C-alpha atoms as a PDB file:
ATOM      1  CA  MET A   1      -1.778  -7.061  -9.560  1.00  0.00           C
ATOM      2  CA  PRO A   2      -3.525  -9.194 -11.369  1.00  0.00           C
ATOM      3  CA  PRO A   3      -2.247 -11.315 -14.140  1.00  0.00           C
ATOM      4  CA  ALA A   4      -1.883 -10.105 -17.625  1.00  0.00           C
ATOM      5  CA  LEU A   5      -0.502 -10.947 -20.687  1.00  0.00           C
ATOM      6  CA  LEU A   6       1.869  -9.235 -23.273  1.00  0.00           C
ATOM      7  CA  LEU A   7       2.497  -8.198 -26.216  1.00  0.00           C
ATOM      8  CA  VAL A   8       5.489  -7.465 -27.988  1.00  0.00           C
ATOM      9  CA  LYS A   9       6.300  -6.698 -31.224  1.00  0.00           C
ATOM     10  CA  ARG A  10       9.173  -6.442 -32.011  1.00  0.00           C
ATOM     11  CA  ASN A  11       9.272  -6.130 -36.296  1.00  0.00           C
ATOM     12  CA  GLU A  12       6.549  -6.082 -38.548  1.00  0.00           C
ATOM     13  CA  HIS A  13       6.783 -10.123 -38.766  1.00  0.00           C
ATOM     14  CA  THR A  14       7.445 -10.802 -35.360  1.00  0.00           C
ATOM     15  CA  THR A  15       6.119 -10.636 -31.811  1.00  0.00           C
ATOM     16  CA  ASP A  16       6.499 -11.882 -28.653  1.00  0.00           C
ATOM     17  CA  ARG A  17       4.114 -13.637 -26.131  1.00  0.00           C
ATOM     18  CA  TYR A  18       4.572 -12.752 -22.027  1.00  0.00           C
ATOM     19  CA  PHE A  19       2.640 -13.600 -19.297  1.00  0.00           C
ATOM     20  CA  TRP A  20       3.730 -11.986 -16.210  1.00  0.00           C
ATOM     21  CA  ALA A  21       2.775 -13.852 -13.000  1.00  0.00           C
ATOM     22  CA  GLU A  22       2.638 -13.202  -9.181  1.00  0.00           C
ATOM     23  CA  LYS A  23       6.350 -14.393  -9.432  1.00  0.00           C
ATOM     24  CA  GLY A  24       7.359 -11.949 -12.401  1.00  0.00           C
ATOM     25  CA  LEU A  25       7.557 -12.329 -16.596  1.00  0.00           C
ATOM     26  CA  PHE A  26       7.901 -15.866 -17.931  1.00  0.00           C
ATOM     27  CA  GLY A  27       7.573 -16.619 -22.061  1.00  0.00           C
ATOM     28  CA  ALA A  28       4.575 -17.544 -23.215  1.00  0.00           C
ATOM     29  CA  GLN A  29       5.323 -20.952 -24.534  1.00  0.00           C
ATOM     30  CA  TYR A  30       6.870 -22.483 -21.383  1.00  0.00           C
ATOM     31  CA  VAL A  31       4.066 -21.444 -19.727  1.00  0.00           C
ATOM     32  CA  GLU A  32       1.982 -22.998 -21.950  1.00  0.00           C
ATOM     33  CA  GLU A  33       3.716 -25.953 -21.514  1.00  0.00           C
ATOM     34  CA  ASN A  34       3.536 -25.065 -18.039  1.00  0.00           C
ATOM     35  CA  HIS A  35       0.237 -23.773 -17.289  1.00  0.00           C
ATOM     36  CA  PHE A  36      -0.001 -26.243 -13.963  1.00  0.00           C
ATOM     37  CA  LEU A  37       2.192 -23.888 -12.444  1.00  0.00           C
ATOM     38  CA  PHE A  38       0.286 -20.682 -12.818  1.00  0.00           C
ATOM     39  CA  PRO A  39      -3.638 -20.909 -11.120  1.00  0.00           C
ATOM     40  CA  SER A  40      -3.928 -17.548 -11.786  1.00  0.00           C
ATOM     41  CA  LEU A  41      -4.049 -18.188 -15.765  1.00  0.00           C
ATOM     42  CA  ARG A  42      -7.641 -19.432 -15.104  1.00  0.00           C
ATOM     43  CA  LEU A  43      -8.756 -15.667 -14.231  1.00  0.00           C
ATOM     44  CA  VAL A  44      -7.225 -14.853 -18.093  1.00  0.00           C
ATOM     45  CA  ILE A  45      -8.841 -17.788 -19.406  1.00  0.00           C
ATOM     46  CA  GLU A  46     -12.143 -17.609 -17.562  1.00  0.00           C
ATOM     47  CA  GLN A  47     -12.170 -13.593 -19.090  1.00  0.00           C
ATOM     48  CA  GLN A  48     -12.038 -14.470 -22.158  1.00  0.00           C
ATOM     49  CA  ALA A  49     -14.553 -17.357 -21.934  1.00  0.00           C
ATOM     50  CA  GLU A  50     -17.265 -14.318 -21.223  1.00  0.00           C
ATOM     51  CA  LEU A  51     -15.399 -11.894 -23.641  1.00  0.00           C
ATOM     52  CA  GLU A  52     -16.633 -14.564 -26.431  1.00  0.00           C
ATOM     53  CA  ALA A  53     -19.746 -15.815 -24.539  1.00  0.00           C
ATOM     54  CA  ALA A  54     -20.597 -11.581 -24.497  1.00  0.00           C
ATOM     55  CA  ALA A  55     -19.601 -10.997 -28.356  1.00  0.00           C
ATOM     56  CA  SER A  56     -21.866 -14.671 -30.307  1.00  0.00           C
ATOM     57  CA  THR A  57     -24.932 -13.193 -27.865  1.00  0.00           C
ATOM     58  CA  SER A  58     -24.460  -9.404 -28.992  1.00  0.00           C
ATOM     59  CA  LYS A  59     -24.266 -11.324 -33.009  1.00  0.00           C
ATOM     60  CA  SER A  60     -27.437 -12.991 -32.608  1.00  0.00           C
END
């Protein structure tokens, strides 16, 4: 299963972020602070970069 970013909206002002990795579900803050422990996170970052590049190309 590929990694995933999950957003959980608790109410209109609070949204919790989680990262689903091979070893389970982790809070986004923990993942941000310990990103080197999550090599599958690179896939998400690369996909996001590709989407942003495609979006900027289509706007030109």
